[in-house]
Amino acid sequence: IAVANVLVVYNTAETGSQAMANAYATAWGISGGNVIGVNLGTAEELTSLSTLNTARNAINAANKQWTVLAMQRPSRYTGGQSITSAITPCPVPATQRARSRSATILSSGTATRE
């Protein structure tokens, strides 16, 4: 995975999320330009489709192959769907269809590279 193709997303409403995102990006050599913040609130479950779509649009606009979610909350979307699967399904440009998209939730402030 080329670091230029990785987007790190943090929750602007969650204390410590930006620090977690920056630590992850630094540990893996990901450019600060590939770190974005979205406001997903602080509840365990995200219930607003509008908020979800705003986050999706920001992620899609970055046009990266891989997405890392650096946040503890929310962990799910309405009905128990994981926030990972709710926030990252997006159209992939024709030039990238052979590639897959993936997301990971970081749940601690520690980022290490092995």
Protein backbone atom coordinates (compact mmCIF):
# COMPACT_ATOMS: atom_id res chain seq x y z
CA ILE A 1 0.00 0.00 0.00
CA ALA A 2 1.44 3.34 -1.01
CA VAL A 3 1.04 5.94 1.75
CA ALA A 4 -0.09 8.48 -0.84
CA ASN A 5 -3.23 6.33 -1.26
CA VAL A 6 -4.14 6.31 2.45
CA LEU A 7 -6.62 8.72 4.03
CA VAL A 8 -6.75 9.05 7.82
CA VAL A 9 -10.08 10.35 9.16
CA TYR A 10 -10.64 11.67 12.67
CA ASN A 11 -13.79 12.76 14.51
CA THR A 12 -13.62 16.49 15.25
CA ALA A 13 -16.15 16.08 18.07
CA GLU A 14 -14.08 13.51 19.94
CA THR A 15 -11.29 14.54 22.27
CA GLY A 16 -8.05 12.84 21.30
CA SER A 17 -9.18 11.69 17.87
CA GLN A 18 -7.04 14.21 15.97
CA ALA A 19 -3.97 13.33 18.06
CA MET A 20 -4.61 9.65 17.33
CA ALA A 21 -4.89 10.38 13.60
CA ASN A 22 -1.73 12.47 13.56
CA ALA A 23 0.22 9.84 15.52
CA TYR A 24 -0.91 7.15 13.07
CA ALA A 25 -0.04 9.28 10.05
CA THR A 26 3.38 10.14 11.47
CA ALA A 27 4.15 6.52 12.34
CA TRP A 28 3.36 5.38 8.80
CA GLY A 29 4.77 8.38 6.92
CA ILE A 30 1.37 9.57 5.70
CA SER A 31 1.23 13.22 4.63
CA GLY A 32 -0.69 15.65 6.81
CA GLY A 33 -2.67 16.48 3.68
CA ASN A 34 -4.11 12.97 3.85
CA VAL A 35 -5.55 13.53 7.34
CA ILE A 36 -9.06 15.00 7.50
CA GLY A 37 -11.56 15.71 10.25
CA VAL A 38 -15.30 15.11 10.13
CA ASN A 39 -17.85 15.79 12.86
CA LEU A 40 -19.58 12.54 13.79
CA GLY A 41 -20.67 13.53 17.29
CA THR A 42 -19.76 11.75 20.50
CA ALA A 43 -22.50 9.13 20.84
CA GLU A 44 -21.73 5.43 20.48
CA GLU A 45 -24.27 5.18 17.65
CA LEU A 46 -24.56 7.66 14.79
CA THR A 47 -28.24 8.17 13.91
CA SER A 48 -28.10 11.06 11.44
CA LEU A 49 -28.03 10.13 7.76
CA SER A 50 -27.16 13.72 6.93
CA THR A 51 -24.07 13.58 9.17
CA LEU A 52 -23.08 10.23 7.68
CA ASN A 53 -23.43 11.56 4.14
CA THR A 54 -21.38 14.67 4.96
CA ALA A 55 -18.56 12.42 6.20
CA ARG A 56 -18.88 10.12 3.17
CA ASN A 57 -18.67 13.11 0.83
CA ALA A 58 -15.49 14.35 2.51
CA ILE A 59 -13.94 10.87 2.26
CA ASN A 60 -15.00 10.48 -1.38
CA ALA A 61 -13.63 13.93 -2.26
CA ALA A 62 -10.19 12.86 -1.03
CA ASN A 63 -10.24 10.04 -3.62
CA LYS A 64 -7.91 7.69 -1.73
CA GLN A 65 -7.79 3.92 -2.02
CA TRP A 66 -7.56 3.17 1.71
CA THR A 67 -9.33 4.82 4.64
CA VAL A 68 -8.30 4.63 8.29
CA LEU A 69 -10.83 5.80 10.88
CA ALA A 70 -8.95 7.19 13.87
CA MET A 71 -11.74 7.46 16.43
CA GLN A 72 -13.42 5.60 19.23
CA ARG A 73 -16.93 6.91 18.60
CA PRO A 74 -19.22 6.38 16.93
CA SER A 75 -18.65 2.66 16.59
CA ARG A 76 -21.87 1.97 14.72
CA TYR A 77 -24.58 3.50 12.58
CA THR A 78 -28.35 3.17 13.17
CA GLY A 79 -29.45 -0.43 13.44
CA GLY A 80 -26.10 -1.80 14.57
CA GLN A 81 -24.19 -1.46 11.29
CA SER A 82 -20.50 -0.90 11.95
CA ILE A 83 -19.36 2.66 11.34
CA THR A 84 -16.61 1.26 9.13
CA SER A 85 -19.04 -0.30 6.65
CA ALA A 86 -21.49 2.61 6.89
CA ILE A 87 -18.99 5.38 6.22
CA THR A 88 -16.71 3.89 3.58
CA PRO A 89 -18.91 2.40 0.85
CA CYS A 90 -18.48 4.77 -2.01
CA PRO A 91 -18.16 4.70 -5.76
CA VAL A 92 -14.65 3.91 -6.88
CA PRO A 93 -13.50 5.64 -10.07
CA ALA A 94 -13.24 3.35 -13.09
CA THR A 95 -9.45 3.68 -13.04
CA GLN A 96 -9.37 2.16 -9.54
CA ARG A 97 -12.07 -0.53 -9.80
CA ALA A 98 -9.54 -3.35 -9.68
CA ARG A 99 -8.38 -2.03 -6.32
CA SER A 100 -10.29 -2.48 -3.10
CA ARG A 101 -11.14 0.05 -0.42
CA SER A 102 -10.66 -0.72 3.21
CA ALA A 103 -11.08 0.98 6.54
CA THR A 104 -9.73 0.34 9.98
CA ILE A 105 -10.82 1.86 13.25
CA LEU A 106 -8.01 2.84 15.57
CA SER A 107 -9.26 2.71 19.11
CA SER A 108 -6.23 3.77 21.08
CA GLY A 109 -3.89 6.72 20.94
CA THR A 110 -0.89 4.51 20.25
CA ALA A 111 0.35 4.14 16.71
CA THR A 112 3.37 2.00 16.06
CA ARG A 113 5.05 0.78 12.95
CA GLU A 114 6.51 -2.70 12.95
